[in-house]
C-alpha cells in the first residue's frame, strides 16, 4: 500500500493546498479529503471525506462532477484486502478513517484533537497540528509507529520555518510518499 500526501494545509492556508491523501493499493486508488490543488486524480474508485457539511464539500462535489470522479462521500470502501472504515473522532470533523491492507494500518485524522483509541498500534497516522501535545502523548500511549502531521496551522508553519521538529513524528510534505 502506498500513501501520497496531496496537500498538508488547512482550508484557508495561503501556503499549502488543503490536507488530502491518496491511497494506492495495486490498481485501486482512493482519495481522502483535499480540495482545489489537492484533489485526487480522476482515476480514483472512491473519494472519501470526513464531513458532508459546509461550503468546502460543495466545492469538492463540483470538482468531482467536472472531472467525472465519484461524488465525495463519508463511507466505507473495500476492494480485495484493502479495507477503509470511517470511525468517530473527537474534534472538528465527525469522522476519520482507518485504512488497512493485510496487517498494515494507517489512520487519516487530520482534524482530530489528540488521537482516537482506534488508532492503537497503527503503522502510520496522519494527524492535525491543533492540540499537538495531546496528539503526541496519545500516539506514544497508543503505540503508533509513525506520526505525520498534516493540516498544518500557522503555529506549525512557524515551527517548521524556524527548523523545529515536532516532539514526536514529522511534518507532512506535499507529495510525500509513504509505503506500508
Protein backbone atom coordinates (compact mmCIF):
# COMPACT_ATOMS: atom_id res chain seq x y z
CA UNK A 1 0.00 0.00 0.00
CA UNK A 2 1.33 3.41 -0.98
CA UNK A 3 0.03 6.65 0.55
CA UNK A 4 0.69 10.03 -1.06
CA UNK A 5 0.02 13.39 0.60
CA UNK A 6 -1.81 15.60 -1.89
CA UNK A 7 -1.90 18.60 0.46
CA UNK A 8 -0.96 19.39 4.05
CA UNK A 9 -2.67 22.72 4.76
CA UNK A 10 -5.79 23.99 6.41
CA UNK A 11 -8.72 25.07 4.24
CA UNK A 12 -7.67 28.73 4.18
CA UNK A 13 -3.90 28.23 4.10
CA UNK A 14 -2.07 30.70 1.84
CA UNK A 15 0.93 28.37 1.80
CA UNK A 16 -0.31 24.81 1.33
CA UNK A 17 -3.12 23.05 -0.50
CA UNK A 18 -5.84 21.60 1.76
CA UNK A 19 -4.90 18.35 3.51
CA UNK A 20 -5.57 15.43 1.19
CA UNK A 21 -4.38 11.86 0.80
CA UNK A 22 -4.27 9.30 -1.99
CA UNK A 23 -4.08 5.59 -1.15
CA UNK A 24 -2.87 3.26 -3.89
CA UNK A 25 -3.24 -0.47 -3.46
CA UNK A 26 -2.41 -2.26 -6.68
CA UNK A 27 -4.69 -0.68 -9.28
CA UNK A 28 -7.10 0.59 -6.65
CA UNK A 29 -6.96 4.30 -5.83
CA UNK A 30 -8.88 6.02 -3.04
CA UNK A 31 -8.76 9.76 -2.33
CA UNK A 32 -9.32 11.38 1.05
CA UNK A 33 -10.43 14.99 1.55
CA UNK A 34 -8.30 17.53 -0.29
CA UNK A 35 -9.64 20.45 -2.25
CA UNK A 36 -8.59 22.81 -5.01
CA UNK A 37 -4.97 21.96 -5.74
CA UNK A 38 -5.05 18.75 -3.72
CA UNK A 39 -7.92 16.83 -5.23
CA UNK A 40 -7.27 13.15 -6.01
CA UNK A 41 -6.64 12.06 -9.60
CA UNK A 42 -9.61 11.25 -11.83
CA UNK A 43 -8.75 7.54 -11.65
CA UNK A 44 -9.95 7.11 -8.05
CA UNK A 45 -12.58 4.48 -7.33
CA UNK A 46 -13.77 6.47 -4.28
CA UNK A 47 -13.32 9.97 -2.87
CA UNK A 48 -13.85 9.81 0.87
CA UNK A 49 -14.30 12.88 3.04
CA UNK A 50 -14.64 13.48 6.77
CA UNK A 51 -17.74 15.64 6.51
CA UNK A 52 -20.54 16.50 4.11
CA UNK A 53 -21.48 19.87 5.55
CA UNK A 54 -20.06 23.29 4.81
CA UNK A 55 -19.02 25.15 1.68
CA UNK A 56 -15.90 23.03 1.17
CA UNK A 57 -17.98 19.94 0.46
CA UNK A 58 -19.94 21.66 -2.30
CA UNK A 59 -16.66 22.72 -3.92
CA UNK A 60 -15.45 19.10 -3.86
CA UNK A 61 -18.73 17.94 -5.43
CA UNK A 62 -18.24 20.45 -8.28
CA UNK A 63 -14.66 19.25 -8.82
CA UNK A 64 -15.87 15.64 -8.93
CA UNK A 65 -18.71 16.42 -11.33
CA UNK A 66 -16.47 18.45 -13.65
CA UNK A 67 -13.81 15.72 -13.82
CA UNK A 68 -16.01 12.61 -13.80
CA UNK A 69 -14.82 11.41 -10.40
CA UNK A 70 -17.07 9.70 -7.86
CA UNK A 71 -19.03 12.09 -5.67
CA UNK A 72 -17.21 12.71 -2.35
CA UNK A 73 -18.82 10.72 0.45
CA UNK A 74 -18.46 9.59 4.03
CA UNK A 75 -18.42 5.83 3.51
CA UNK A 76 -16.65 2.52 3.90
CA UNK A 77 -14.64 1.15 0.99
CA UNK A 78 -13.45 -2.40 0.35
CA UNK A 79 -11.56 -3.91 -2.52
CA UNK A 80 -9.64 -7.15 -2.09
CA UNK A 81 -7.52 -6.86 1.05
CA UNK A 82 -7.93 -3.06 1.21
CA UNK A 83 -10.44 -2.03 3.88
CA UNK A 84 -11.34 1.57 4.71
CA UNK A 85 -13.70 2.43 7.55
CA UNK A 86 -14.99 5.81 8.72
CA UNK A 87 -14.84 5.98 12.51
CA UNK A 88 -15.89 8.67 15.00
CA UNK A 89 -13.49 11.42 16.06
CA UNK A 90 -13.33 13.99 18.82
CA UNK A 91 -12.64 17.37 17.26
CA UNK A 92 -13.87 19.41 14.34
CA UNK A 93 -14.59 16.58 11.89
CA UNK A 94 -17.15 13.90 12.72
CA UNK A 95 -15.07 11.00 11.32
CA UNK A 96 -11.56 9.88 10.48
CA UNK A 97 -10.57 6.80 8.51
CA UNK A 98 -8.83 3.57 9.43
CA UNK A 99 -7.13 2.20 6.30
CA UNK A 100 -5.95 -1.41 6.40
CA UNK A 101 -4.38 -3.85 3.97
CA UNK A 102 -3.34 -7.15 5.43
CA UNK A 103 -1.64 -6.46 8.74
CA UNK A 104 -0.70 -2.88 7.85
CA UNK A 105 -2.80 0.01 9.13
CA UNK A 106 -2.86 3.75 8.51
CA UNK A 107 -5.11 6.39 10.06
CA UNK A 108 -6.36 9.59 8.40
CA UNK A 109 -7.42 12.00 11.18
CA UNK A 110 -6.16 15.49 10.26
CA UNK A 111 -8.67 17.43 12.38
CA UNK A 112 -8.68 15.24 15.48
CA UNK A 113 -7.67 16.81 18.78
CA UNK A 114 -5.50 14.04 20.18
CA UNK A 115 -5.96 10.58 18.67
CA UNK A 116 -8.85 8.14 18.83
CA UNK A 117 -8.45 4.79 20.59
CA UNK A 118 -8.98 3.04 17.26
CA UNK A 119 -5.55 4.37 16.16
CA UNK A 120 -3.88 1.94 18.55
CA UNK A 121 -0.91 0.07 17.05
CA UNK A 122 -1.25 1.89 13.71
CA UNK A 123 1.79 1.76 11.47
CA UNK A 124 1.19 5.30 10.20
CA UNK A 125 -1.05 8.11 11.45
CA UNK A 126 -1.77 11.38 9.67
CA UNK A 127 -2.91 13.82 12.37
CA UNK A 128 -3.57 17.54 12.69
CA UNK A 129 -1.43 20.12 14.46
CA UNK A 130 -4.09 21.62 16.78
CA UNK A 131 -3.57 20.05 20.22
CA UNK A 132 -0.19 18.72 19.09
CA UNK A 133 1.00 17.91 22.62
CA UNK A 134 -2.15 15.84 23.26
CA UNK A 135 -1.69 14.09 19.89
CA UNK A 136 1.94 13.22 20.65
CA UNK A 137 1.02 11.86 24.09
CA UNK A 138 -1.79 9.77 22.58
CA UNK A 139 0.48 8.46 19.79
CA UNK A 140 3.03 7.26 22.32
CA UNK A 141 0.36 5.74 24.59
CA UNK A 142 -1.33 4.00 21.62
CA UNK A 143 1.97 2.62 20.27
CA UNK A 144 1.73 4.46 16.93
CA UNK A 145 4.82 3.59 14.90
CA UNK A 146 4.97 6.69 12.68
CA UNK A 147 3.18 10.02 13.15
CA UNK A 148 2.93 12.56 10.34
CA UNK A 149 1.45 15.99 10.98
CA UNK A 150 -0.81 17.45 8.29
CA UNK A 151 -3.48 20.16 8.38
CA UNK A 152 -0.61 22.48 9.25
CA UNK A 153 -1.75 25.64 11.02
CA UNK A 154 0.18 28.92 11.44
CA UNK A 155 1.90 27.71 14.60
CA UNK A 156 3.17 24.58 12.86
CA UNK A 157 4.38 26.61 9.87
CA UNK A 158 6.28 28.95 12.20
CA UNK A 159 7.92 25.95 13.91
CA UNK A 160 8.86 24.47 10.51
CA UNK A 161 10.31 27.79 9.34
CA UNK A 162 12.49 28.01 12.45
CA UNK A 163 13.77 24.46 11.90
CA UNK A 164 11.94 22.92 14.86
CA UNK A 165 10.67 19.36 14.51
CA UNK A 166 7.59 18.10 16.33
CA UNK A 167 8.35 16.45 19.71
CA UNK A 168 7.45 13.09 18.13
CA UNK A 169 6.77 12.40 14.47
CA UNK A 170 7.41 14.57 11.45
CA UNK A 171 5.91 17.35 9.37
CA UNK A 172 3.94 16.21 6.34
CA UNK A 173 5.19 17.33 2.94
CA UNK A 174 3.02 17.81 -0.12
CA UNK A 175 3.83 14.97 -2.48
CA UNK A 176 5.31 12.92 0.37
CA UNK A 177 5.11 9.16 -0.27
CA UNK A 178 4.76 6.52 2.41
CA UNK A 179 4.84 2.76 1.92
CA UNK A 180 3.22 0.16 4.15
